[in-house]
């Protein structure tokens, strides 16, 4: 097998910083969903899920992190970024999807 310059998640997650990328994406997402003109009931509930990341006791011991939430809600997140034509966020979302989901 020849070495590649690009990490391959199917071989190993070595070289893929999924957690950091997910945290960066959440920052980009919060720019939209924290804006009262852009949020809705769904995003308000989603923000509650983000808050519970730091409180595992609140989720019956089930640990959710940013990467898990991105994976679980990737279509909703993509739709929001497309709606507001956030190309930087879409690029990072595509990267996360290819490398980590």
PDB file of N, CA and C in Angstrom:
ATOM      1  N   UNK A   1       0.844  -1.181   0.000  1.00  0.00           N
ATOM      2  CA  UNK A   1       0.000   0.000   0.000  1.00  0.00           C
ATOM      3  C   UNK A   1       0.884   1.237   0.000  1.00  0.00           C
ATOM      4  N   UNK A   2       0.622   2.149  -0.901  1.00  0.00           N
ATOM      5  CA  UNK A   2       1.399   3.373  -0.984  1.00  0.00           C
ATOM      6  C   UNK A   2       0.875   4.399  -0.001  1.00  0.00           C
ATOM      7  N   UNK A   3       1.777   5.113   0.653  1.00  0.00           N
ATOM      8  CA  UNK A   3       1.327   6.172   1.563  1.00  0.00           C
ATOM      9  C   UNK A   3       0.658   7.295   0.775  1.00  0.00           C
ATOM     10  N   UNK A   4      -0.338   7.884   1.386  1.00  0.00           N
ATOM     11  CA  UNK A   4      -1.013   9.023   0.760  1.00  0.00           C
ATOM     12  C   UNK A   4      -0.793  10.256   1.610  1.00  0.00           C
ATOM     13  N   UNK A   5      -0.935  11.394   0.991  1.00  0.00           N
ATOM     14  CA  UNK A   5      -0.754  12.635   1.740  1.00  0.00           C
ATOM     15  C   UNK A   5      -2.046  13.021   2.461  1.00  0.00           C
ATOM     16  N   UNK A   6      -3.139  12.338   2.140  1.00  0.00           N
ATOM     17  CA  UNK A   6      -4.438  12.661   2.711  1.00  0.00           C
ATOM     18  C   UNK A   6      -4.866  11.533   3.649  1.00  0.00           C
ATOM     19  N   UNK A   7      -5.254  11.847   4.881  1.00  0.00           N
ATOM     20  CA  UNK A   7      -5.688  10.791   5.803  1.00  0.00           C
ATOM     21  C   UNK A   7      -6.916  10.067   5.264  1.00  0.00           C
ATOM     22  N   UNK A   8      -6.998   8.783   5.533  1.00  0.00           N
ATOM     23  CA  UNK A   8      -8.121   7.965   5.092  1.00  0.00           C
ATOM     24  C   UNK A   8      -8.826   7.415   6.322  1.00  0.00           C
ATOM     25  N   UNK A   9     -10.031   7.893   6.595  1.00  0.00           N
ATOM     26  CA  UNK A   9     -10.757   7.486   7.790  1.00  0.00           C
ATOM     27  C   UNK A   9     -11.061   6.006   7.796  1.00  0.00           C
ATOM     28  N   UNK A  10     -11.066   5.351   6.641  1.00  0.00           N
ATOM     29  CA  UNK A  10     -11.368   3.925   6.609  1.00  0.00           C
ATOM     30  C   UNK A  10     -10.167   3.085   7.039  1.00  0.00           C
ATOM     31  N   UNK A  11      -8.996   3.696   7.035  1.00  0.00           N
ATOM     32  CA  UNK A  11      -7.800   3.008   7.498  1.00  0.00           C
ATOM     33  C   UNK A  11      -7.525   3.383   8.944  1.00  0.00           C
ATOM     34  N   UNK A  12      -7.593   4.652   9.245  1.00  0.00           N
ATOM     35  CA  UNK A  12      -7.304   5.143  10.592  1.00  0.00           C
ATOM     36  C   UNK A  12      -7.781   6.586  10.700  1.00  0.00           C
ATOM     37  N   UNK A  13      -8.101   6.999  11.907  1.00  0.00           N
ATOM     38  CA  UNK A  13      -8.449   8.392  12.141  1.00  0.00           C
ATOM     39  C   UNK A  13      -7.198   9.218  12.461  1.00  0.00           C
ATOM     40  N   UNK A  14      -6.010   8.591  12.395  1.00  0.00           N
ATOM     41  CA  UNK A  14      -4.757   9.296  12.637  1.00  0.00           C
ATOM     42  C   UNK A  14      -4.608  10.393  11.591  1.00  0.00           C
ATOM     43  N   UNK A  15      -4.318  11.581  12.049  1.00  0.00           N
ATOM     44  CA  UNK A  15      -4.138  12.717  11.156  1.00  0.00           C
ATOM     45  C   UNK A  15      -5.418  13.481  10.874  1.00  0.00           C
ATOM     46  N   UNK A  16      -6.542  13.003  11.410  1.00  0.00           N
ATOM     47  CA  UNK A  16      -7.813  13.680  11.240  1.00  0.00           C
ATOM     48  C   UNK A  16      -8.210  14.264  12.577  1.00  0.00           C
ATOM     49  N   UNK A  17      -8.353  15.562  12.641  1.00  0.00           N
ATOM     50  CA  UNK A  17      -8.717  16.223  13.896  1.00  0.00           C
ATOM     51  C   UNK A  17     -10.216  16.497  13.913  1.00  0.00           C
ATOM     52  N   UNK A  18     -10.986  15.429  13.977  1.00  0.00           N
ATOM     53  CA  UNK A  18     -12.436  15.525  13.913  1.00  0.00           C
ATOM     54  C   UNK A  18     -13.043  16.376  15.011  1.00  0.00           C
ATOM     55  N   UNK A  19     -12.547  16.228  16.227  1.00  0.00           N
ATOM     56  CA  UNK A  19     -13.103  16.998  17.341  1.00  0.00           C
ATOM     57  C   UNK A  19     -12.885  18.493  17.153  1.00  0.00           C
ATOM     58  N   UNK A  20     -11.686  18.871  16.777  1.00  0.00           N
ATOM     59  CA  UNK A  20     -11.379  20.289  16.583  1.00  0.00           C
ATOM     60  C   UNK A  20     -12.183  20.861  15.409  1.00  0.00           C
ATOM     61  N   UNK A  21     -12.272  20.107  14.321  1.00  0.00           N
ATOM     62  CA  UNK A  21     -13.046  20.571  13.173  1.00  0.00           C
ATOM     63  C   UNK A  21     -14.517  20.738  13.543  1.00  0.00           C
ATOM     64  N   UNK A  22     -15.043  19.798  14.328  1.00  0.00           N
ATOM     65  CA  UNK A  22     -16.445  19.881  14.752  1.00  0.00           C
ATOM     66  C   UNK A  22     -16.666  21.106  15.629  1.00  0.00           C
ATOM     67  N   UNK A  23     -15.735  21.385  16.515  1.00  0.00           N
ATOM     68  CA  UNK A  23     -15.863  22.554  17.379  1.00  0.00           C
ATOM     69  C   UNK A  23     -15.806  23.845  16.564  1.00  0.00           C
ATOM     70  N   UNK A  24     -14.957  23.874  15.545  1.00  0.00           N
ATOM     71  CA  UNK A  24     -14.884  25.045  14.657  1.00  0.00           C
ATOM     72  C   UNK A  24     -16.199  25.228  13.906  1.00  0.00           C
ATOM     73  N   UNK A  25     -16.786  24.114  13.459  1.00  0.00           N
ATOM     74  CA  UNK A  25     -18.040  24.206  12.728  1.00  0.00           C
ATOM     75  C   UNK A  25     -19.161  24.709  13.621  1.00  0.00           C
ATOM     76  N   UNK A  26     -19.171  24.278  14.879  1.00  0.00           N
ATOM     77  CA  UNK A  26     -20.202  24.748  15.804  1.00  0.00           C
ATOM     78  C   UNK A  26     -20.096  26.258  15.997  1.00  0.00           C
ATOM     79  N   UNK A  27     -18.892  26.792  16.029  1.00  0.00           N
ATOM     80  CA  UNK A  27     -18.716  28.243  16.134  1.00  0.00           C
ATOM     81  C   UNK A  27     -19.356  28.924  14.922  1.00  0.00           C
ATOM     82  N   UNK A  28     -19.127  28.370  13.728  1.00  0.00           N
ATOM     83  CA  UNK A  28     -19.732  28.939  12.524  1.00  0.00           C
ATOM     84  C   UNK A  28     -21.251  28.800  12.551  1.00  0.00           C
ATOM     85  N   UNK A  29     -21.731  27.682  13.037  1.00  0.00           N
ATOM     86  CA  UNK A  29     -23.172  27.456  13.160  1.00  0.00           C
ATOM     87  C   UNK A  29     -23.804  28.434  14.145  1.00  0.00           C
ATOM     88  N   UNK A  30     -23.120  28.662  15.274  1.00  0.00           N
ATOM     89  CA  UNK A  30     -23.662  29.571  16.291  1.00  0.00           C
ATOM     90  C   UNK A  30     -23.800  30.994  15.762  1.00  0.00           C
ATOM     91  N   UNK A  31     -22.959  31.392  14.807  1.00  0.00           N
ATOM     92  CA  UNK A  31     -23.102  32.730  14.213  1.00  0.00           C
ATOM     93  C   UNK A  31     -24.492  32.900  13.604  1.00  0.00           C
ATOM     94  N   UNK A  32     -25.041  31.826  13.118  1.00  0.00           N
ATOM     95  CA  UNK A  32     -26.370  31.884  12.507  1.00  0.00           C
ATOM     96  C   UNK A  32     -27.469  31.670  13.548  1.00  0.00           C
ATOM     97  N   UNK A  33     -27.370  30.601  14.302  1.00  0.00           N
ATOM     98  CA  UNK A  33     -28.494  30.234  15.175  1.00  0.00           C
ATOM     99  C   UNK A  33     -28.595  31.103  16.423  1.00  0.00           C
ATOM    100  N   UNK A  34     -27.558  31.843  16.732  1.00  0.00           N
ATOM    101  CA  UNK A  34     -27.637  32.786  17.850  1.00  0.00           C
ATOM    102  C   UNK A  34     -28.234  34.129  17.420  1.00  0.00           C
ATOM    103  N   UNK A  35     -28.424  34.305  16.125  1.00  0.00           N
ATOM    104  CA  UNK A  35     -29.049  35.512  15.590  1.00  0.00           C
ATOM    105  C   UNK A  35     -30.561  35.334  15.675  1.00  0.00           C
ATOM    106  N   UNK A  36     -31.246  36.171  16.448  1.00  0.00           N
ATOM    107  CA  UNK A  36     -32.698  36.015  16.596  1.00  0.00           C
ATOM    108  C   UNK A  36     -33.460  36.012  15.272  1.00  0.00           C
ATOM    109  N   UNK A  37     -32.934  36.664  14.253  1.00  0.00           N
ATOM    110  CA  UNK A  37     -33.607  36.700  12.959  1.00  0.00           C
ATOM    111  C   UNK A  37     -33.451  35.395  12.177  1.00  0.00           C
ATOM    112  N   UNK A  38     -32.487  34.552  12.577  1.00  0.00           N
ATOM    113  CA  UNK A  38     -32.209  33.324  11.836  1.00  0.00           C
ATOM    114  C   UNK A  38     -32.604  32.053  12.591  1.00  0.00           C
ATOM    115  N   UNK A  39     -32.920  32.164  13.852  1.00  0.00           N
ATOM    116  CA  UNK A  39     -33.192  30.965  14.638  1.00  0.00           C
ATOM    117  C   UNK A  39     -34.663  30.584  14.553  1.00  0.00           C
ATOM    118  N   UNK A  40     -34.962  29.408  15.036  1.00  0.00           N
ATOM    119  CA  UNK A  40     -36.339  28.927  15.129  1.00  0.00           C
ATOM    120  C   UNK A  40     -36.400  27.895  16.253  1.00  0.00           C
ATOM    121  N   UNK A  41     -37.527  27.290  16.442  1.00  0.00           N
ATOM    122  CA  UNK A  41     -37.698  26.339  17.544  1.00  0.00           C
ATOM    123  C   UNK A  41     -36.698  25.188  17.453  1.00  0.00           C
ATOM    124  N   UNK A  42     -36.470  24.677  16.242  1.00  0.00           N
ATOM    125  CA  UNK A  42     -35.503  23.587  16.068  1.00  0.00           C
ATOM    126  C   UNK A  42     -34.118  23.984  16.566  1.00  0.00           C
ATOM    127  N   UNK A  43     -33.639  25.142  16.121  1.00  0.00           N
ATOM    128  CA  UNK A  43     -32.294  25.571  16.498  1.00  0.00           C
ATOM    129  C   UNK A  43     -32.203  25.906  17.981  1.00  0.00           C
ATOM    130  N   UNK A  44     -33.281  26.391  18.566  1.00  0.00           N
ATOM    131  CA  UNK A  44     -33.271  26.635  20.008  1.00  0.00           C
ATOM    132  C   UNK A  44     -33.125  25.319  20.760  1.00  0.00           C
ATOM    133  N   UNK A  45     -33.803  24.270  20.314  1.00  0.00           N
ATOM    134  CA  UNK A  45     -33.653  22.952  20.936  1.00  0.00           C
ATOM    135  C   UNK A  45     -32.256  22.396  20.690  1.00  0.00           C
ATOM    136  N   UNK A  46     -31.723  22.633  19.505  1.00  0.00           N
ATOM    137  CA  UNK A  46     -30.368  22.189  19.179  1.00  0.00           C
ATOM    138  C   UNK A  46     -29.349  22.860  20.099  1.00  0.00           C
ATOM    139  N   UNK A  47     -29.540  24.149  20.376  1.00  0.00           N
ATOM    140  CA  UNK A  47     -28.632  24.849  21.293  1.00  0.00           C
ATOM    141  C   UNK A  47     -28.654  24.197  22.675  1.00  0.00           C
ATOM    142  N   UNK A  48     -29.810  23.704  23.090  1.00  0.00           N
ATOM    143  CA  UNK A  48     -29.895  22.974  24.353  1.00  0.00           C
ATOM    144  C   UNK A  48     -29.055  21.712  24.323  1.00  0.00           C
ATOM    145  N   UNK A  49     -29.037  21.024  23.188  1.00  0.00           N
ATOM    146  CA  UNK A  49     -28.198  19.833  23.050  1.00  0.00           C
ATOM    147  C   UNK A  49     -26.721  20.211  23.144  1.00  0.00           C
ATOM    148  N   UNK A  50     -26.354  21.330  22.533  1.00  0.00           N
ATOM    149  CA  UNK A  50     -24.967  21.789  22.632  1.00  0.00           C
ATOM    150  C   UNK A  50     -24.584  22.089  24.075  1.00  0.00           C
ATOM    151  N   UNK A  51     -25.504  22.684  24.820  1.00  0.00           N
ATOM    152  CA  UNK A  51     -25.225  23.003  26.225  1.00  0.00           C
ATOM    153  C   UNK A  51     -25.014  21.729  27.049  1.00  0.00           C
ATOM    154  N   UNK A  52     -25.729  20.672  26.716  1.00  0.00           N
ATOM    155  CA  UNK A  52     -25.623  19.422  27.478  1.00  0.00           C
ATOM    156  C   UNK A  52     -24.327  18.675  27.210  1.00  0.00           C
ATOM    157  N   UNK A  53     -23.571  19.070  26.191  1.00  0.00           N
ATOM    158  CA  UNK A  53     -22.281  18.435  25.930  1.00  0.00           C
ATOM    159  C   UNK A  53     -21.392  18.544  27.160  1.00  0.00           C
ATOM    160  N   UNK A  54     -21.454  19.669  27.822  1.00  0.00           N
ATOM    161  CA  UNK A  54     -20.603  19.893  29.002  1.00  0.00           C
ATOM    162  C   UNK A  54     -21.226  19.363  30.285  1.00  0.00           C
ATOM    163  N   UNK A  55     -22.411  18.738  30.167  1.00  0.00           N
ATOM    164  CA  UNK A  55     -23.124  18.233  31.340  1.00  0.00           C
ATOM    165  C   UNK A  55     -23.580  16.787  31.105  1.00  0.00           C
ATOM    166  N   UNK A  56     -22.655  15.819  31.082  1.00  0.00           N
ATOM    167  CA  UNK A  56     -23.035  14.437  30.783  1.00  0.00           C
ATOM    168  C   UNK A  56     -24.057  13.856  31.759  1.00  0.00           C
ATOM    169  N   UNK A  57     -24.114  14.345  32.965  1.00  0.00           N
ATOM    170  CA  UNK A  57     -25.101  13.851  33.928  1.00  0.00           C
ATOM    171  C   UNK A  57     -26.523  14.175  33.476  1.00  0.00           C
ATOM    172  N   UNK A  58     -26.666  15.215  32.662  1.00  0.00           N
ATOM    173  CA  UNK A  58     -27.977  15.631  32.162  1.00  0.00           C
ATOM    174  C   UNK A  58     -28.498  14.712  31.047  1.00  0.00           C
ATOM    175  N   UNK A  59     -27.613  13.876  30.503  1.00  0.00           N
ATOM    176  CA  UNK A  59     -28.010  13.018  29.388  1.00  0.00           C
ATOM    177  C   UNK A  59     -27.967  11.538  29.761  1.00  0.00           C
ATOM    178  N   UNK A  60     -28.232  11.234  31.017  1.00  0.00           N
ATOM    179  CA  UNK A  60     -28.278   9.853  31.509  1.00  0.00           C
ATOM    180  C   UNK A  60     -26.989   9.087  31.217  1.00  0.00           C
ATOM    181  N   UNK A  61     -25.872   9.782  31.252  1.00  0.00           N
ATOM    182  CA  UNK A  61     -24.579   9.152  31.044  1.00  0.00           C
ATOM    183  C   UNK A  61     -24.217   8.952  29.584  1.00  0.00           C
ATOM    184  N   UNK A  62     -25.151   9.217  28.670  1.00  0.00           N
ATOM    185  CA  UNK A  62     -24.858   9.096  27.242  1.00  0.00           C
ATOM    186  C   UNK A  62     -24.085  10.324  26.807  1.00  0.00           C
ATOM    187  N   UNK A  63     -22.888  10.120  26.342  1.00  0.00           N
ATOM    188  CA  UNK A  63     -22.014  11.232  25.988  1.00  0.00           C
ATOM    189  C   UNK A  63     -22.229  11.646  24.536  1.00  0.00           C
ATOM    190  N   UNK A  64     -22.612  12.878  24.355  1.00  0.00           N
ATOM    191  CA  UNK A  64     -22.714  13.459  23.024  1.00  0.00           C
ATOM    192  C   UNK A  64     -21.685  14.571  22.933  1.00  0.00           C
ATOM    193  N   UNK A  65     -21.070  14.685  21.785  1.00  0.00           N
ATOM    194  CA  UNK A  65     -20.141  15.783  21.568  1.00  0.00           C
ATOM    195  C   UNK A  65     -20.515  16.492  20.274  1.00  0.00           C
ATOM    196  N   UNK A  66     -19.741  17.504  19.927  1.00  0.00           N
ATOM    197  CA  UNK A  66     -20.053  18.289  18.736  1.00  0.00           C
ATOM    198  C   UNK A  66     -20.083  17.420  17.479  1.00  0.00           C
ATOM    199  N   UNK A  67     -19.111  16.517  17.357  1.00  0.00           N
ATOM    200  CA  UNK A  67     -19.042  15.662  16.175  1.00  0.00           C
ATOM    201  C   UNK A  67     -20.277  14.770  16.072  1.00  0.00           C
ATOM    202  N   UNK A  68     -20.720  14.236  17.184  1.00  0.00           N
ATOM    203  CA  UNK A  68     -21.924  13.405  17.192  1.00  0.00           C
ATOM    204  C   UNK A  68     -23.133  14.222  16.720  1.00  0.00           C
ATOM    205  N   UNK A  69     -23.292  15.417  17.254  1.00  0.00           N
ATOM    206  CA  UNK A  69     -24.439  16.250  16.880  1.00  0.00           C
ATOM    207  C   UNK A  69     -24.381  16.675  15.415  1.00  0.00           C
ATOM    208  N   UNK A  70     -23.194  16.961  14.910  1.00  0.00           N
ATOM    209  CA  UNK A  70     -23.061  17.306  13.499  1.00  0.00           C
ATOM    210  C   UNK A  70     -23.471  16.111  12.640  1.00  0.00           C
ATOM    211  N   UNK A  71     -22.988  14.948  13.012  1.00  0.00           N
ATOM    212  CA  UNK A  71     -23.340  13.745  12.253  1.00  0.00           C
ATOM    213  C   UNK A  71     -24.850  13.501  12.290  1.00  0.00           C
ATOM    214  N   UNK A  72     -25.453  13.640  13.447  1.00  0.00           N
ATOM    215  CA  UNK A  72     -26.879  13.363  13.612  1.00  0.00           C
ATOM    216  C   UNK A  72     -27.762  14.379  12.895  1.00  0.00           C
ATOM    217  N   UNK A  73     -27.296  15.602  12.769  1.00  0.00           N
ATOM    218  CA  UNK A  73     -28.111  16.673  12.188  1.00  0.00           C
ATOM    219  C   UNK A  73     -27.468  17.293  10.950  1.00  0.00           C
ATOM    220  N   UNK A  74     -26.660  16.523  10.262  1.00  0.00           N
ATOM    221  CA  UNK A  74     -25.873  17.057   9.142  1.00  0.00           C
ATOM    222  C   UNK A  74     -26.753  17.679   8.056  1.00  0.00           C
ATOM    223  N   UNK A  75     -27.898  17.075   7.772  1.00  0.00           N
ATOM    224  CA  UNK A  75     -28.760  17.628   6.720  1.00  0.00           C
ATOM    225  C   UNK A  75     -29.374  18.959   7.134  1.00  0.00           C
ATOM    226  N   UNK A  76     -29.778  19.083   8.381  1.00  0.00           N
ATOM    227  CA  UNK A  76     -30.322  20.349   8.879  1.00  0.00           C
ATOM    228  C   UNK A  76     -29.253  21.437   8.855  1.00  0.00           C
ATOM    229  N   UNK A  77     -28.050  21.070   9.269  1.00  0.00           N
ATOM    230  CA  UNK A  77     -26.950  22.030   9.307  1.00  0.00           C
ATOM    231  C   UNK A  77     -26.599  22.478   7.895  1.00  0.00           C
ATOM    232  N   UNK A  78     -26.519  21.511   6.964  1.00  0.00           N
ATOM    233  CA  UNK A  78     -26.211  21.852   5.570  1.00  0.00           C
ATOM    234  C   UNK A  78     -27.277  22.799   5.001  1.00  0.00           C
ATOM    235  N   UNK A  79     -28.526  22.502   5.278  1.00  0.00           N
ATOM    236  CA  UNK A  79     -29.618  23.340   4.781  1.00  0.00           C
ATOM    237  C   UNK A  79     -29.488  24.777   5.283  1.00  0.00           C
ATOM    238  N   UNK A  80     -29.134  24.943   6.548  1.00  0.00           N
ATOM    239  CA  UNK A  80     -28.977  26.287   7.112  1.00  0.00           C
ATOM    240  C   UNK A  80     -27.829  27.022   6.432  1.00  0.00           C
ATOM    241  N   UNK A  81     -26.684  26.360   6.281  1.00  0.00           N
ATOM    242  CA  UNK A  81     -25.538  27.007   5.646  1.00  0.00           C
ATOM    243  C   UNK A  81     -25.836  27.346   4.187  1.00  0.00           C
ATOM    244  N   UNK A  82     -26.575  26.480   3.502  1.00  0.00           N
ATOM    245  CA  UNK A  82     -26.957  26.773   2.121  1.00  0.00           C
ATOM    246  C   UNK A  82     -27.922  27.959   2.058  1.00  0.00           C
ATOM    247  N   UNK A  83     -28.862  28.008   2.987  1.00  0.00           N
ATOM    248  CA  UNK A  83     -29.825  29.103   3.024  1.00  0.00           C
ATOM    249  C   UNK A  83     -29.129  30.454   3.123  1.00  0.00           C
ATOM    250  N   UNK A  84     -28.079  30.524   3.922  1.00  0.00           N
ATOM    251  CA  UNK A  84     -27.366  31.783   4.127  1.00  0.00           C
ATOM    252  C   UNK A  84     -26.073  31.856   3.308  1.00  0.00           C
ATOM    253  N   UNK A  85     -25.924  30.934   2.353  1.00  0.00           N
ATOM    254  CA  UNK A  85     -24.779  30.911   1.443  1.00  0.00           C
ATOM    255  C   UNK A  85     -23.454  31.064   2.185  1.00  0.00           C
ATOM    256  N   UNK A  86     -23.285  30.288   3.241  1.00  0.00           N
ATOM    257  CA  UNK A  86     -22.068  30.321   4.047  1.00  0.00           C
ATOM    258  C   UNK A  86     -21.088  29.292   3.483  1.00  0.00           C
ATOM    259  N   UNK A  87     -20.323  29.720   2.498  1.00  0.00           N
ATOM    260  CA  UNK A  87     -19.433  28.814   1.784  1.00  0.00           C
ATOM    261  C   UNK A  87     -18.304  28.266   2.662  1.00  0.00           C
ATOM    262  N   UNK A  88     -17.780  29.080   3.552  1.00  0.00           N
ATOM    263  CA  UNK A  88     -16.713  28.599   4.442  1.00  0.00           C
ATOM    264  C   UNK A  88     -17.238  27.474   5.327  1.00  0.00           C
ATOM    265  N   UNK A  89     -18.432  27.652   5.863  1.00  0.00           N
ATOM    266  CA  UNK A  89     -19.023  26.625   6.720  1.00  0.00           C
ATOM    267  C   UNK A  89     -19.349  25.372   5.920  1.00  0.00           C
ATOM    268  N   UNK A  90     -19.850  25.539   4.697  1.00  0.00           N
ATOM    269  CA  UNK A  90     -20.151  24.374   3.859  1.00  0.00           C
ATOM    270  C   UNK A  90     -18.893  23.590   3.511  1.00  0.00           C
ATOM    271  N   UNK A  91     -17.811  24.294   3.264  1.00  0.00           N
ATOM    272  CA  UNK A  91     -16.535  23.630   2.967  1.00  0.00           C
ATOM    273  C   UNK A  91     -16.079  22.799   4.163  1.00  0.00           C
ATOM    274  N   UNK A  92     -16.149  23.392   5.346  1.00  0.00           N
ATOM    275  CA  UNK A  92     -15.749  22.663   6.552  1.00  0.00           C
ATOM    276  C   UNK A  92     -16.703  21.501   6.816  1.00  0.00           C
ATOM    277  N   UNK A  93     -17.989  21.693   6.593  1.00  0.00           N
ATOM    278  CA  UNK A  93     -18.959  20.614   6.776  1.00  0.00           C
ATOM    279  C   UNK A  93     -18.658  19.460   5.823  1.00  0.00           C
ATOM    280  N   UNK A  94     -18.347  19.761   4.577  1.00  0.00           N
ATOM    281  CA  UNK A  94     -17.985  18.716   3.612  1.00  0.00           C
ATOM    282  C   UNK A  94     -16.746  17.952   4.074  1.00  0.00           C
ATOM    283  N   UNK A  95     -15.774  18.671   4.598  1.00  0.00           N
ATOM    284  CA  UNK A  95     -14.551  18.040   5.103  1.00  0.00           C
ATOM    285  C   UNK A  95     -14.871  17.098   6.267  1.00  0.00           C
ATOM    286  N   UNK A  96     -15.677  17.582   7.204  1.00  0.00           N
ATOM    287  CA  UNK A  96     -16.054  16.763   8.352  1.00  0.00           C
ATOM    288  C   UNK A  96     -16.819  15.519   7.895  1.00  0.00           C
ATOM    289  N   UNK A  97     -17.720  15.707   6.958  1.00  0.00           N
ATOM    290  CA  UNK A  97     -18.500  14.568   6.467  1.00  0.00           C
ATOM    291  C   UNK A  97     -17.586  13.535   5.816  1.00  0.00           C
ATOM    292  N   UNK A  98     -16.648  13.976   5.019  1.00  0.00           N
ATOM    293  CA  UNK A  98     -15.738  13.056   4.319  1.00  0.00           C
ATOM    294  C   UNK A  98     -14.780  12.360   5.274  1.00  0.00           C
ATOM    295  N   UNK A  99     -14.310  13.079   6.272  1.00  0.00           N
ATOM    296  CA  UNK A  99     -13.291  12.527   7.157  1.00  0.00           C
ATOM    297  C   UNK A  99     -13.839  11.806   8.381  1.00  0.00           C
ATOM    298  N   UNK A 100     -14.986  12.215   8.883  1.00  0.00           N
ATOM    299  CA  UNK A 100     -15.378  11.766  10.219  1.00  0.00           C
ATOM    300  C   UNK A 100     -16.773  11.172  10.347  1.00  0.00           C
ATOM    301  N   UNK A 101     -17.632  11.356   9.382  1.00  0.00           N
ATOM    302  CA  UNK A 101     -18.995  10.858   9.521  1.00  0.00           C
ATOM    303  C   UNK A 101     -19.206   9.551   8.776  1.00  0.00           C
TER     304      UNK A 101
END
